[in-house]
């Protein structure tokens, strides 16, 4: 059930951003990463996107996305999905960093579409700019 909900949400978000940017869905990619720092030492997930492989910039840095407003397309998070996703992704990055013997700050999840209409998803785990492995949603959610 989680897999289907996430898949539907990501396809919808890809199509929404594609329409907004005037591009096909397979030219848009979302990235999820963690960048712990002194103010926020937890592995709190952060989100950004790229168009045609180029990360979107804002004020000289990555344009960070808000999970609820930008990705879910909702004004309010009445169900607490942002907190649930944040806790799940923090655990995921911690576990994957141990499995791959990597610093969690160097890991990224990339989600994009297989085609222009977002009929299927492509998901990859990156370490820096190198793809470590391609994933299915089942690999992440264990379903």
C-alpha atoms as a PDB file:
ATOM      1  CA  UNK A   1       0.000   0.000   0.000  1.00  0.00           C
ATOM      2  CA  UNK A   2       2.833   2.444   0.805  1.00  0.00           C
ATOM      3  CA  UNK A   3       4.564   1.681  -2.474  1.00  0.00           C
ATOM      4  CA  UNK A   4       1.456   2.483  -4.521  1.00  0.00           C
ATOM      5  CA  UNK A   5       0.861   5.743  -2.638  1.00  0.00           C
ATOM      6  CA  UNK A   6       4.470   6.880  -3.079  1.00  0.00           C
ATOM      7  CA  UNK A   7       4.482   5.887  -6.743  1.00  0.00           C
ATOM      8  CA  UNK A   8       1.251   7.798  -7.435  1.00  0.00           C
ATOM      9  CA  UNK A   9       2.543  10.843  -5.526  1.00  0.00           C
ATOM     10  CA  UNK A  10       5.889  10.919  -7.345  1.00  0.00           C
ATOM     11  CA  UNK A  11       4.281  10.511 -10.772  1.00  0.00           C
ATOM     12  CA  UNK A  12       1.859  13.333  -9.995  1.00  0.00           C
ATOM     13  CA  UNK A  13       4.700  15.573  -8.765  1.00  0.00           C
ATOM     14  CA  UNK A  14       6.809  14.842 -11.863  1.00  0.00           C
ATOM     15  CA  UNK A  15       3.879  15.690 -14.137  1.00  0.00           C
ATOM     16  CA  UNK A  16       3.131  18.865 -12.177  1.00  0.00           C
ATOM     17  CA  UNK A  17       6.731  20.106 -12.355  1.00  0.00           C
ATOM     18  CA  UNK A  18       6.964  19.090 -16.029  1.00  0.00           C
ATOM     19  CA  UNK A  19       3.896  21.161 -16.834  1.00  0.00           C
ATOM     20  CA  UNK A  20       5.173  24.122 -14.801  1.00  0.00           C
ATOM     21  CA  UNK A  21       8.592  23.983 -16.509  1.00  0.00           C
ATOM     22  CA  UNK A  22       7.235  23.239 -19.996  1.00  0.00           C
ATOM     23  CA  UNK A  23       9.231  20.010 -20.232  1.00  0.00           C
ATOM     24  CA  UNK A  24       8.378  16.314 -20.557  1.00  0.00           C
ATOM     25  CA  UNK A  25       8.285  14.415 -17.247  1.00  0.00           C
ATOM     26  CA  UNK A  26      11.453  12.467 -18.067  1.00  0.00           C
ATOM     27  CA  UNK A  27      13.393  15.757 -18.154  1.00  0.00           C
ATOM     28  CA  UNK A  28      12.545  16.431 -14.497  1.00  0.00           C
ATOM     29  CA  UNK A  29      14.297  14.651 -11.623  1.00  0.00           C
ATOM     30  CA  UNK A  30      13.742  14.950  -7.887  1.00  0.00           C
ATOM     31  CA  UNK A  31      16.608  14.421  -5.478  1.00  0.00           C
ATOM     32  CA  UNK A  32      16.441  13.550  -1.805  1.00  0.00           C
ATOM     33  CA  UNK A  33      19.540  13.921   0.343  1.00  0.00           C
ATOM     34  CA  UNK A  34      20.662  14.607   3.883  1.00  0.00           C
ATOM     35  CA  UNK A  35      23.174  17.205   4.843  1.00  0.00           C
ATOM     36  CA  UNK A  36      23.623  17.149   8.612  1.00  0.00           C
ATOM     37  CA  UNK A  37      25.237  20.266  10.032  1.00  0.00           C
ATOM     38  CA  UNK A  38      25.773  21.806  13.465  1.00  0.00           C
ATOM     39  CA  UNK A  39      22.317  23.404  13.515  1.00  0.00           C
ATOM     40  CA  UNK A  40      20.590  20.234  12.268  1.00  0.00           C
ATOM     41  CA  UNK A  41      22.761  17.208  13.087  1.00  0.00           C
ATOM     42  CA  UNK A  42      19.988  14.696  12.293  1.00  0.00           C
ATOM     43  CA  UNK A  43      19.714  13.066   8.903  1.00  0.00           C
ATOM     44  CA  UNK A  44      16.787  15.279   7.969  1.00  0.00           C
ATOM     45  CA  UNK A  45      15.875  14.764   4.314  1.00  0.00           C
ATOM     46  CA  UNK A  46      16.042  17.718   1.980  1.00  0.00           C
ATOM     47  CA  UNK A  47      14.616  17.912  -1.525  1.00  0.00           C
ATOM     48  CA  UNK A  48      15.602  19.635  -4.755  1.00  0.00           C
ATOM     49  CA  UNK A  49      15.000  19.090  -8.441  1.00  0.00           C
ATOM     50  CA  UNK A  50      16.809  19.234 -11.753  1.00  0.00           C
ATOM     51  CA  UNK A  51      15.697  20.067 -15.261  1.00  0.00           C
ATOM     52  CA  UNK A  52      17.561  18.367 -18.098  1.00  0.00           C
ATOM     53  CA  UNK A  53      20.124  17.147 -15.544  1.00  0.00           C
ATOM     54  CA  UNK A  54      20.875  20.625 -14.201  1.00  0.00           C
ATOM     55  CA  UNK A  55      19.878  21.334 -10.573  1.00  0.00           C
ATOM     56  CA  UNK A  56      17.544  24.316 -10.303  1.00  0.00           C
ATOM     57  CA  UNK A  57      19.199  27.232  -8.539  1.00  0.00           C
ATOM     58  CA  UNK A  58      17.752  29.998  -6.391  1.00  0.00           C
ATOM     59  CA  UNK A  59      19.674  32.845  -4.764  1.00  0.00           C
ATOM     60  CA  UNK A  60      23.025  31.261  -5.650  1.00  0.00           C
ATOM     61  CA  UNK A  61      22.228  27.808  -4.228  1.00  0.00           C
ATOM     62  CA  UNK A  62      20.013  24.812  -4.774  1.00  0.00           C
ATOM     63  CA  UNK A  63      16.317  25.599  -4.852  1.00  0.00           C
ATOM     64  CA  UNK A  64      15.098  23.543  -1.906  1.00  0.00           C
ATOM     65  CA  UNK A  65      11.617  22.093  -2.167  1.00  0.00           C
ATOM     66  CA  UNK A  66       9.096  21.848   0.615  1.00  0.00           C
ATOM     67  CA  UNK A  67       7.711  18.337   0.907  1.00  0.00           C
ATOM     68  CA  UNK A  68       4.082  19.222   1.595  1.00  0.00           C
ATOM     69  CA  UNK A  69       3.638  22.266  -0.620  1.00  0.00           C
ATOM     70  CA  UNK A  70       5.952  21.469  -3.547  1.00  0.00           C
ATOM     71  CA  UNK A  71       6.032  17.681  -3.811  1.00  0.00           C
ATOM     72  CA  UNK A  72       2.638  16.712  -2.419  1.00  0.00           C
ATOM     73  CA  UNK A  73       1.011  19.831  -3.854  1.00  0.00           C
ATOM     74  CA  UNK A  74      -0.951  20.437  -0.626  1.00  0.00           C
ATOM     75  CA  UNK A  75      -1.273  23.589   1.428  1.00  0.00           C
ATOM     76  CA  UNK A  76      -1.476  21.763   4.750  1.00  0.00           C
ATOM     77  CA  UNK A  77      -0.171  18.440   6.003  1.00  0.00           C
ATOM     78  CA  UNK A  78      -3.174  17.313   8.021  1.00  0.00           C
ATOM     79  CA  UNK A  79      -2.091  13.651   8.002  1.00  0.00           C
ATOM     80  CA  UNK A  80       1.484  14.267   9.137  1.00  0.00           C
ATOM     81  CA  UNK A  81       2.977  12.738   5.995  1.00  0.00           C
ATOM     82  CA  UNK A  82       5.976  15.062   6.027  1.00  0.00           C
ATOM     83  CA  UNK A  83       7.011  13.872   9.492  1.00  0.00           C
ATOM     84  CA  UNK A  84       6.430  10.222   8.559  1.00  0.00           C
ATOM     85  CA  UNK A  85       8.450  10.601   5.353  1.00  0.00           C
ATOM     86  CA  UNK A  86      11.199  12.491   7.150  1.00  0.00           C
ATOM     87  CA  UNK A  87      11.593   9.808   9.841  1.00  0.00           C
ATOM     88  CA  UNK A  88      11.481   6.995   7.295  1.00  0.00           C
ATOM     89  CA  UNK A  89      14.029   8.630   4.972  1.00  0.00           C
ATOM     90  CA  UNK A  90      16.387   9.480   7.843  1.00  0.00           C
ATOM     91  CA  UNK A  91      16.406   5.791   8.827  1.00  0.00           C
ATOM     92  CA  UNK A  92      16.782   4.731   5.201  1.00  0.00           C
ATOM     93  CA  UNK A  93      19.834   6.964   4.650  1.00  0.00           C
ATOM     94  CA  UNK A  94      21.388   5.807   7.932  1.00  0.00           C
ATOM     95  CA  UNK A  95      20.962   2.131   6.961  1.00  0.00           C
ATOM     96  CA  UNK A  96      22.136   2.617   3.378  1.00  0.00           C
ATOM     97  CA  UNK A  97      25.194   4.549   4.529  1.00  0.00           C
ATOM     98  CA  UNK A  98      26.146   1.602   6.753  1.00  0.00           C
ATOM     99  CA  UNK A  99      25.496  -0.941   3.974  1.00  0.00           C
ATOM    100  CA  UNK A 100      27.569   1.011   1.453  1.00  0.00           C
ATOM    101  CA  UNK A 101      30.142   2.175   4.010  1.00  0.00           C
ATOM    102  CA  UNK A 102      29.461   5.753   2.921  1.00  0.00           C
ATOM    103  CA  UNK A 103      29.041   9.059   4.643  1.00  0.00           C
ATOM    104  CA  UNK A 104      25.263   9.715   4.604  1.00  0.00           C
ATOM    105  CA  UNK A 105      25.977  13.283   3.483  1.00  0.00           C
ATOM    106  CA  UNK A 106      27.295  11.915   0.188  1.00  0.00           C
ATOM    107  CA  UNK A 107      24.156   9.908  -0.668  1.00  0.00           C
ATOM    108  CA  UNK A 108      21.253  10.997  -2.852  1.00  0.00           C
ATOM    109  CA  UNK A 109      18.095   9.337  -4.091  1.00  0.00           C
ATOM    110  CA  UNK A 110      17.096  10.407  -7.595  1.00  0.00           C
ATOM    111  CA  UNK A 111      13.556   9.901  -8.872  1.00  0.00           C
ATOM    112  CA  UNK A 112      12.582  10.592 -12.456  1.00  0.00           C
ATOM    113  CA  UNK A 113      10.267   9.228 -15.103  1.00  0.00           C
ATOM    114  CA  UNK A 114      10.900   6.533 -17.693  1.00  0.00           C
ATOM    115  CA  UNK A 115       8.897   8.497 -20.259  1.00  0.00           C
ATOM    116  CA  UNK A 116       7.279  11.833 -21.082  1.00  0.00           C
ATOM    117  CA  UNK A 117       3.968  10.924 -19.395  1.00  0.00           C
ATOM    118  CA  UNK A 118       5.405   9.541 -16.111  1.00  0.00           C
ATOM    119  CA  UNK A 119       4.062   6.046 -16.716  1.00  0.00           C
ATOM    120  CA  UNK A 120       6.987   4.478 -14.840  1.00  0.00           C
ATOM    121  CA  UNK A 121       9.632   5.670 -12.395  1.00  0.00           C
ATOM    122  CA  UNK A 122      13.400   5.419 -12.461  1.00  0.00           C
ATOM    123  CA  UNK A 123      15.006   5.491  -9.018  1.00  0.00           C
ATOM    124  CA  UNK A 124      18.731   5.497  -8.375  1.00  0.00           C
ATOM    125  CA  UNK A 125      20.952   5.766  -5.330  1.00  0.00           C
ATOM    126  CA  UNK A 126      23.899   8.083  -5.873  1.00  0.00           C
ATOM    127  CA  UNK A 127      27.096   8.549  -3.934  1.00  0.00           C
ATOM    128  CA  UNK A 128      28.190  12.008  -4.964  1.00  0.00           C
ATOM    129  CA  UNK A 129      27.698  12.061  -8.732  1.00  0.00           C
ATOM    130  CA  UNK A 130      28.123   8.287  -9.187  1.00  0.00           C
ATOM    131  CA  UNK A 131      25.200   5.865  -9.394  1.00  0.00           C
ATOM    132  CA  UNK A 132      25.677   3.137  -6.777  1.00  0.00           C
ATOM    133  CA  UNK A 133      22.602   1.174  -7.822  1.00  0.00           C
ATOM    134  CA  UNK A 134      19.238   1.408  -9.507  1.00  0.00           C
ATOM    135  CA  UNK A 135      16.290   0.731  -7.227  1.00  0.00           C
ATOM    136  CA  UNK A 136      12.651  -0.185  -7.279  1.00  0.00           C
ATOM    137  CA  UNK A 137      10.242   1.230  -4.722  1.00  0.00           C
ATOM    138  CA  UNK A 138      10.123  -2.261  -3.191  1.00  0.00           C
ATOM    139  CA  UNK A 139      13.850  -1.972  -2.446  1.00  0.00           C
ATOM    140  CA  UNK A 140      13.191   1.133  -0.382  1.00  0.00           C
ATOM    141  CA  UNK A 141       9.900   0.187   1.289  1.00  0.00           C
ATOM    142  CA  UNK A 142      10.448  -3.548   1.578  1.00  0.00           C
ATOM    143  CA  UNK A 143       7.084  -4.537   0.136  1.00  0.00           C
END
